[in-house]
N, C-alpha and C. Protein backbone atom coordinates (compact mmCIF):
# COMPACT_ATOMS: atom_id res chain seq x y z
N MET A 1 -14.93 153.45 135.81
CA MET A 1 -15.10 152.81 137.09
C MET A 1 -15.20 151.30 136.86
N LYS A 2 -14.58 150.53 137.70
CA LYS A 2 -14.52 149.08 137.55
C LYS A 2 -15.44 148.43 138.58
N TYR A 3 -16.16 147.38 138.14
CA TYR A 3 -17.07 146.68 139.02
C TYR A 3 -16.84 145.18 138.89
N LEU A 4 -16.99 144.45 139.96
CA LEU A 4 -17.06 143.00 139.90
C LEU A 4 -18.52 142.63 140.11
N VAL A 5 -19.05 141.83 139.22
CA VAL A 5 -20.43 141.42 139.36
C VAL A 5 -20.54 139.93 139.15
N THR A 6 -21.40 139.30 139.90
CA THR A 6 -21.67 137.89 139.66
C THR A 6 -22.71 137.83 138.57
N SER A 7 -22.46 137.01 137.59
CA SER A 7 -23.32 136.98 136.44
C SER A 7 -23.31 135.61 135.80
N MET A 8 -24.35 135.30 135.10
CA MET A 8 -24.40 134.07 134.33
C MET A 8 -24.03 134.37 132.89
N ILE A 9 -23.10 135.33 132.69
CA ILE A 9 -22.65 135.64 131.34
C ILE A 9 -22.11 134.38 130.69
N ALA A 10 -21.41 133.59 131.47
CA ALA A 10 -20.88 132.34 130.93
C ALA A 10 -20.96 131.28 132.00
N ALA A 11 -21.17 130.04 131.60
CA ALA A 11 -21.17 128.92 132.53
C ALA A 11 -20.05 127.98 132.11
N LEU A 12 -19.35 127.46 133.09
CA LEU A 12 -18.25 126.56 132.83
C LEU A 12 -18.65 125.19 133.34
N THR A 13 -18.58 124.18 132.51
CA THR A 13 -19.06 122.86 132.89
C THR A 13 -17.95 121.81 132.85
N LEU A 14 -16.80 122.16 133.40
CA LEU A 14 -15.66 121.25 133.36
C LEU A 14 -15.91 119.98 134.17
N SER A 15 -16.61 120.09 135.29
CA SER A 15 -16.84 118.92 136.12
C SER A 15 -18.29 118.46 136.04
N GLY A 16 -19.02 118.94 135.06
CA GLY A 16 -20.42 118.57 134.92
C GLY A 16 -21.34 119.48 135.73
N THR A 17 -20.77 120.40 136.50
CA THR A 17 -21.55 121.32 137.31
C THR A 17 -21.34 122.73 136.79
N ALA A 18 -22.43 123.41 136.47
CA ALA A 18 -22.32 124.79 135.97
C ALA A 18 -21.89 125.69 137.11
N MET A 19 -20.96 126.59 136.81
CA MET A 19 -20.49 127.55 137.80
C MET A 19 -20.71 128.95 137.25
N ALA A 20 -21.28 129.82 138.08
CA ALA A 20 -21.40 131.22 137.66
C ALA A 20 -20.02 131.82 137.65
N GLN A 21 -19.74 132.65 136.67
CA GLN A 21 -18.46 133.34 136.63
C GLN A 21 -18.69 134.81 136.90
N GLU A 22 -17.68 135.44 137.41
CA GLU A 22 -17.75 136.87 137.64
C GLU A 22 -17.22 137.60 136.44
N ALA A 23 -17.65 138.82 136.30
CA ALA A 23 -17.18 139.66 135.21
C ALA A 23 -16.67 140.98 135.77
N VAL A 24 -15.69 141.54 135.11
CA VAL A 24 -15.17 142.86 135.46
C VAL A 24 -15.77 143.83 134.44
N LEU A 25 -16.42 144.88 134.92
CA LEU A 25 -17.07 145.86 134.05
C LEU A 25 -16.45 147.23 134.23
N TYR A 26 -16.31 147.93 133.11
CA TYR A 26 -15.78 149.29 133.10
C TYR A 26 -16.82 150.18 132.41
N ASP A 27 -17.18 151.29 133.03
CA ASP A 27 -18.10 152.23 132.40
C ASP A 27 -17.41 152.90 131.22
N PHE A 28 -18.15 153.07 130.13
CA PHE A 28 -17.65 153.74 128.94
C PHE A 28 -18.41 155.04 128.78
N ASP A 29 -17.69 156.13 128.66
CA ASP A 29 -18.30 157.45 128.50
C ASP A 29 -18.46 157.74 127.02
N GLY A 30 -19.54 157.26 126.43
CA GLY A 30 -19.78 157.45 125.01
C GLY A 30 -20.80 156.47 124.50
N ALA A 31 -20.94 156.46 123.19
CA ALA A 31 -21.94 155.61 122.53
C ALA A 31 -21.44 154.17 122.37
N PHE A 32 -22.37 153.26 122.21
CA PHE A 32 -22.06 151.84 122.03
C PHE A 32 -21.10 151.64 120.85
N ASP A 33 -21.39 152.25 119.71
CA ASP A 33 -20.54 152.08 118.53
C ASP A 33 -19.12 152.59 118.78
N ASP A 34 -19.00 153.66 119.55
CA ASP A 34 -17.67 154.16 119.89
C ASP A 34 -16.93 153.17 120.80
N ALA A 35 -17.67 152.55 121.70
CA ALA A 35 -17.06 151.56 122.59
C ALA A 35 -16.60 150.33 121.82
N THR A 36 -17.41 149.86 120.87
CA THR A 36 -16.99 148.68 120.10
C THR A 36 -15.76 149.02 119.26
N PHE A 37 -15.70 150.22 118.70
CA PHE A 37 -14.53 150.63 117.93
C PHE A 37 -13.30 150.69 118.83
N ALA A 38 -13.46 151.22 120.04
CA ALA A 38 -12.35 151.33 120.98
C ALA A 38 -11.84 149.95 121.39
N VAL A 39 -12.75 149.00 121.60
CA VAL A 39 -12.34 147.65 121.97
C VAL A 39 -11.61 146.98 120.81
N GLU A 40 -12.18 147.08 119.61
CA GLU A 40 -11.51 146.51 118.43
C GLU A 40 -10.10 147.09 118.28
N SER A 41 -9.99 148.40 118.42
CA SER A 41 -8.69 149.06 118.28
C SER A 41 -7.71 148.60 119.35
N ALA A 42 -8.18 148.43 120.57
CA ALA A 42 -7.32 148.00 121.67
C ALA A 42 -6.82 146.57 121.44
N ILE A 43 -7.70 145.70 120.94
CA ILE A 43 -7.30 144.31 120.68
C ILE A 43 -6.26 144.28 119.56
N VAL A 44 -6.56 144.93 118.45
CA VAL A 44 -5.64 144.96 117.30
C VAL A 44 -4.33 145.65 117.69
N GLY A 45 -4.43 146.66 118.54
CA GLY A 45 -3.25 147.38 119.00
C GLY A 45 -2.30 146.51 119.81
N GLN A 46 -2.80 145.42 120.36
CA GLN A 46 -1.97 144.46 121.09
C GLN A 46 -1.32 143.46 120.14
N GLY A 47 -1.58 143.61 118.84
CA GLY A 47 -1.04 142.68 117.86
C GLY A 47 -1.86 141.41 117.74
N LEU A 48 -3.10 141.46 118.20
CA LEU A 48 -3.98 140.30 118.19
C LEU A 48 -4.98 140.39 117.04
N VAL A 49 -5.51 139.26 116.65
CA VAL A 49 -6.48 139.19 115.57
C VAL A 49 -7.83 138.78 116.17
N ILE A 50 -8.87 139.53 115.85
CA ILE A 50 -10.22 139.18 116.30
C ILE A 50 -10.72 138.05 115.40
N ASP A 51 -10.97 136.89 116.01
CA ASP A 51 -11.42 135.73 115.25
C ASP A 51 -12.90 135.83 114.89
N TYR A 52 -13.68 136.43 115.79
CA TYR A 52 -15.12 136.48 115.58
C TYR A 52 -15.71 137.58 116.44
N THR A 53 -16.70 138.26 115.91
CA THR A 53 -17.48 139.21 116.68
C THR A 53 -18.91 138.69 116.73
N SER A 54 -19.36 138.39 117.94
CA SER A 54 -20.72 137.90 118.15
C SER A 54 -21.63 139.08 118.47
N HIS A 55 -22.64 139.27 117.64
CA HIS A 55 -23.61 140.34 117.85
C HIS A 55 -24.76 139.78 118.70
N THR A 56 -24.42 139.46 119.93
CA THR A 56 -25.33 138.77 120.84
C THR A 56 -26.58 139.58 121.14
N GLY A 57 -26.43 140.87 121.31
CA GLY A 57 -27.59 141.72 121.59
C GLY A 57 -28.60 141.68 120.46
N GLU A 58 -28.12 141.77 119.21
CA GLU A 58 -29.03 141.69 118.06
C GLU A 58 -29.75 140.35 118.03
N MET A 59 -29.00 139.27 118.26
CA MET A 59 -29.60 137.94 118.24
C MET A 59 -30.68 137.80 119.32
N LEU A 60 -30.38 138.26 120.52
CA LEU A 60 -31.36 138.16 121.61
C LEU A 60 -32.62 138.97 121.30
N ASN A 61 -32.43 140.17 120.77
CA ASN A 61 -33.59 141.01 120.43
C ASN A 61 -34.40 140.42 119.28
N ARG A 62 -33.71 139.88 118.28
CA ARG A 62 -34.37 139.33 117.10
C ARG A 62 -35.15 138.05 117.42
N THR A 63 -34.66 137.25 118.35
CA THR A 63 -35.26 135.94 118.62
C THR A 63 -36.17 135.90 119.85
N ALA A 64 -36.34 137.01 120.52
CA ALA A 64 -37.13 137.02 121.76
C ALA A 64 -38.53 136.43 121.56
N ALA A 65 -39.24 136.93 120.58
CA ALA A 65 -40.62 136.45 120.35
C ALA A 65 -40.61 134.98 119.95
N ASP A 66 -39.58 134.54 119.23
CA ASP A 66 -39.50 133.14 118.79
C ASP A 66 -39.40 132.17 119.95
N VAL A 67 -38.84 132.63 121.07
CA VAL A 67 -38.71 131.76 122.24
C VAL A 67 -39.72 132.11 123.33
N GLY A 68 -40.72 132.91 122.97
CA GLY A 68 -41.81 133.22 123.89
C GLY A 68 -41.47 134.25 124.95
N SER A 69 -40.58 135.19 124.64
CA SER A 69 -40.19 136.20 125.61
C SER A 69 -40.45 137.60 125.05
N ASP A 70 -40.74 138.52 125.96
CA ASP A 70 -40.86 139.92 125.58
C ASP A 70 -39.86 140.77 126.37
N VAL A 71 -38.88 140.11 126.99
CA VAL A 71 -37.88 140.78 127.80
C VAL A 71 -36.73 141.25 126.91
N LYS A 72 -36.41 142.53 127.01
CA LYS A 72 -35.25 143.08 126.30
C LYS A 72 -34.09 143.09 127.29
N ILE A 73 -33.11 142.24 127.05
CA ILE A 73 -31.99 142.09 127.98
C ILE A 73 -30.99 143.23 127.82
N PHE A 74 -30.60 143.51 126.59
CA PHE A 74 -29.65 144.58 126.28
C PHE A 74 -30.21 145.44 125.17
N ASP A 75 -29.84 146.71 125.17
CA ASP A 75 -30.10 147.55 124.01
C ASP A 75 -29.17 147.11 122.89
N ALA A 76 -27.94 146.75 123.26
CA ALA A 76 -26.95 146.26 122.31
C ALA A 76 -25.90 145.47 123.09
N ALA A 77 -25.31 144.48 122.44
CA ALA A 77 -24.25 143.69 123.08
C ALA A 77 -23.43 142.99 122.00
N ASP A 78 -22.13 143.21 122.03
CA ASP A 78 -21.21 142.53 121.12
C ASP A 78 -20.10 141.87 121.94
N ILE A 79 -19.64 140.71 121.48
CA ILE A 79 -18.55 139.99 122.13
C ILE A 79 -17.46 139.77 121.10
N PHE A 80 -16.23 140.16 121.44
CA PHE A 80 -15.08 140.02 120.55
C PHE A 80 -14.24 138.85 121.04
N LEU A 81 -14.09 137.82 120.19
CA LEU A 81 -13.32 136.63 120.53
C LEU A 81 -11.98 136.65 119.83
N PHE A 82 -10.94 136.30 120.56
CA PHE A 82 -9.57 136.33 120.03
C PHE A 82 -8.68 135.47 120.91
N CYS A 83 -7.47 135.24 120.45
CA CYS A 83 -6.50 134.49 121.22
C CYS A 83 -5.17 135.22 121.16
N SER A 84 -4.30 134.90 122.07
CA SER A 84 -2.93 135.41 122.09
C SER A 84 -2.01 134.21 122.08
N ALA A 85 -1.20 134.05 121.03
CA ALA A 85 -0.29 132.91 120.95
C ALA A 85 0.64 132.88 122.16
N LYS A 86 1.16 134.04 122.53
CA LYS A 86 2.12 134.11 123.64
C LYS A 86 1.47 133.73 124.97
N VAL A 87 0.36 134.39 125.30
CA VAL A 87 -0.30 134.13 126.58
C VAL A 87 -0.90 132.72 126.60
N SER A 88 -1.50 132.30 125.51
CA SER A 88 -2.09 130.96 125.47
C SER A 88 -1.03 129.89 125.67
N ARG A 89 0.11 130.04 125.01
CA ARG A 89 1.19 129.07 125.18
C ARG A 89 1.63 129.03 126.64
N SER A 90 1.79 130.18 127.24
CA SER A 90 2.24 130.26 128.63
C SER A 90 1.28 129.53 129.57
N VAL A 91 -0.02 129.83 129.45
CA VAL A 91 -0.97 129.23 130.39
C VAL A 91 -1.22 127.75 130.09
N MET A 92 -1.10 127.35 128.83
CA MET A 92 -1.33 125.94 128.50
C MET A 92 -0.09 125.08 128.72
N GLU A 93 1.10 125.68 128.69
CA GLU A 93 2.29 124.93 129.10
C GLU A 93 2.22 124.64 130.58
N ALA A 94 1.66 125.56 131.36
CA ALA A 94 1.49 125.35 132.80
C ALA A 94 0.46 124.27 133.08
N ASP A 95 -0.63 124.25 132.28
CA ASP A 95 -1.68 123.24 132.42
C ASP A 95 -2.44 123.18 131.10
N ALA A 96 -2.27 122.09 130.38
CA ALA A 96 -2.90 121.96 129.06
C ALA A 96 -4.41 122.14 129.12
N MET A 97 -5.05 121.85 130.25
CA MET A 97 -6.50 121.98 130.36
C MET A 97 -6.96 123.43 130.45
N ASN A 98 -6.02 124.37 130.49
CA ASN A 98 -6.40 125.78 130.39
C ASN A 98 -6.94 126.10 129.01
N ILE A 99 -6.88 125.12 128.11
CA ILE A 99 -7.52 125.29 126.80
C ILE A 99 -9.01 125.56 126.96
N ALA A 100 -9.59 125.12 128.05
CA ALA A 100 -11.02 125.33 128.31
C ALA A 100 -11.38 126.82 128.37
N HIS A 101 -10.41 127.67 128.62
CA HIS A 101 -10.66 129.11 128.75
C HIS A 101 -10.49 129.86 127.43
N CYS A 102 -10.09 129.19 126.39
CA CYS A 102 -9.77 129.82 125.12
C CYS A 102 -10.92 129.62 124.13
N PRO A 103 -11.28 130.52 123.26
CA PRO A 103 -10.65 131.83 123.07
C PRO A 103 -11.07 132.79 124.18
N TYR A 104 -10.36 133.87 124.27
CA TYR A 104 -10.66 134.91 125.26
C TYR A 104 -11.63 135.89 124.64
N ASN A 105 -12.30 136.66 125.49
CA ASN A 105 -13.21 137.65 124.92
C ASN A 105 -13.31 138.89 125.78
N VAL A 106 -13.64 139.96 125.10
CA VAL A 106 -14.00 141.23 125.73
C VAL A 106 -15.35 141.60 125.14
N PHE A 107 -16.26 142.07 125.98
CA PHE A 107 -17.59 142.39 125.48
C PHE A 107 -17.93 143.85 125.74
N VAL A 108 -18.89 144.32 124.95
CA VAL A 108 -19.44 145.67 125.12
C VAL A 108 -20.94 145.50 125.25
N ILE A 109 -21.52 146.11 126.27
CA ILE A 109 -22.97 146.03 126.46
C ILE A 109 -23.54 147.44 126.64
N GLU A 110 -24.79 147.58 126.23
CA GLU A 110 -25.54 148.80 126.50
C GLU A 110 -26.89 148.38 127.06
N LYS A 111 -27.20 148.91 128.22
CA LYS A 111 -28.48 148.62 128.86
C LYS A 111 -28.95 149.91 129.52
N ASP A 112 -30.18 150.29 129.20
CA ASP A 112 -30.77 151.50 129.78
C ASP A 112 -29.88 152.72 129.56
N GLY A 113 -29.26 152.80 128.38
CA GLY A 113 -28.44 153.95 128.03
C GLY A 113 -27.04 153.93 128.62
N LYS A 114 -26.70 152.93 129.42
CA LYS A 114 -25.37 152.84 130.04
C LYS A 114 -24.53 151.86 129.23
N VAL A 115 -23.36 152.30 128.79
CA VAL A 115 -22.45 151.48 127.99
C VAL A 115 -21.30 151.03 128.88
N GLN A 116 -21.00 149.72 128.82
CA GLN A 116 -19.91 149.17 129.60
C GLN A 116 -19.08 148.20 128.77
N VAL A 117 -17.81 148.13 129.11
CA VAL A 117 -16.87 147.18 128.51
C VAL A 117 -16.50 146.21 129.62
N GLY A 118 -16.39 144.92 129.28
CA GLY A 118 -16.06 143.97 130.33
C GLY A 118 -15.42 142.71 129.82
N HIS A 119 -15.04 141.90 130.79
CA HIS A 119 -14.49 140.57 130.52
C HIS A 119 -14.73 139.71 131.75
N ARG A 120 -14.67 138.40 131.56
CA ARG A 120 -14.85 137.49 132.69
C ARG A 120 -13.59 137.47 133.55
N THR A 121 -13.71 136.94 134.74
CA THR A 121 -12.54 136.74 135.59
C THR A 121 -12.03 135.33 135.40
N TYR A 122 -10.80 135.11 135.80
CA TYR A 122 -10.15 133.82 135.63
C TYR A 122 -9.60 133.32 136.95
N PRO A 123 -9.36 132.02 137.05
CA PRO A 123 -8.86 131.44 138.31
C PRO A 123 -7.51 132.03 138.72
N GLU A 124 -7.24 131.98 140.00
CA GLU A 124 -5.94 132.41 140.50
C GLU A 124 -4.84 131.58 139.87
N GLY A 125 -3.64 132.08 139.92
CA GLY A 125 -2.50 131.36 139.36
C GLY A 125 -2.18 131.85 137.97
N VAL A 126 -1.76 130.94 137.12
CA VAL A 126 -1.27 131.28 135.80
C VAL A 126 -2.33 131.98 134.93
N MET A 127 -3.61 131.69 135.14
CA MET A 127 -4.66 132.31 134.33
C MET A 127 -4.79 133.81 134.60
N GLN A 128 -4.13 134.30 135.62
CA GLN A 128 -4.12 135.74 135.84
C GLN A 128 -3.38 136.47 134.72
N GLU A 129 -2.53 135.74 133.95
CA GLU A 129 -1.90 136.34 132.77
C GLU A 129 -2.98 136.75 131.76
N VAL A 130 -3.98 135.89 131.59
CA VAL A 130 -5.08 136.19 130.67
C VAL A 130 -5.89 137.36 131.20
N GLN A 131 -6.19 137.32 132.48
CA GLN A 131 -6.98 138.39 133.07
C GLN A 131 -6.26 139.73 132.93
N ALA A 132 -4.95 139.75 133.11
CA ALA A 132 -4.19 140.99 132.95
C ALA A 132 -4.26 141.49 131.51
N LEU A 133 -4.17 140.59 130.55
CA LEU A 133 -4.29 140.96 129.14
C LEU A 133 -5.65 141.60 128.86
N LEU A 134 -6.72 140.95 129.33
CA LEU A 134 -8.07 141.45 129.07
C LEU A 134 -8.33 142.76 129.80
N SER A 135 -7.84 142.87 131.03
CA SER A 135 -8.00 144.13 131.76
C SER A 135 -7.29 145.27 131.06
N GLY A 136 -6.10 144.99 130.53
CA GLY A 136 -5.36 146.02 129.80
C GLY A 136 -6.12 146.49 128.58
N ILE A 137 -6.72 145.54 127.85
CA ILE A 137 -7.50 145.89 126.66
C ILE A 137 -8.72 146.72 127.05
N ALA A 138 -9.46 146.28 128.06
CA ALA A 138 -10.65 147.00 128.49
C ALA A 138 -10.32 148.39 129.00
N GLU A 139 -9.26 148.48 129.81
CA GLU A 139 -8.87 149.78 130.35
C GLU A 139 -8.45 150.74 129.24
N GLU A 140 -7.73 150.22 128.25
CA GLU A 140 -7.34 151.07 127.13
C GLU A 140 -8.58 151.55 126.37
N ALA A 141 -9.53 150.66 126.18
CA ALA A 141 -10.75 151.02 125.42
C ALA A 141 -11.55 152.12 126.13
N VAL A 142 -11.65 152.06 127.43
CA VAL A 142 -12.47 153.05 128.13
C VAL A 142 -11.73 154.35 128.39
N SER A 143 -10.40 154.34 128.22
CA SER A 143 -9.64 155.56 128.50
C SER A 143 -9.48 156.46 127.29
N ASP A 144 -9.85 155.97 126.11
CA ASP A 144 -9.68 156.78 124.89
C ASP A 144 -10.69 157.90 124.81
């Protein structure tokens, strides 16, 4: 199932003003580790290379006490960062400042036993090429 949610997952400060971005979420029927494997496989299956995997959930849990918090945000959360030479060239030839959206990412979160795969939304126009790429990856990951 797909959801649009307003979230402060990422803030964009192109004009000096932070803007909340929306995210598209897909429910995953399985364990967090299975979801991360499915996302990795979907990205690599597109011929893309994962540049970095951010273990954001581990970092947030590990550092909570250090920043004076006892709030557990996620049970687990990983973010996979990557780029597509073809899609990036297309959107940046249309507007070089679309570099602000790169690299792209797909994330997996687990909260209260619910596992979801998601990605941020992108502006109308040429950036919908990126959104279509990310939606395809997420949809493939949750359908396996």
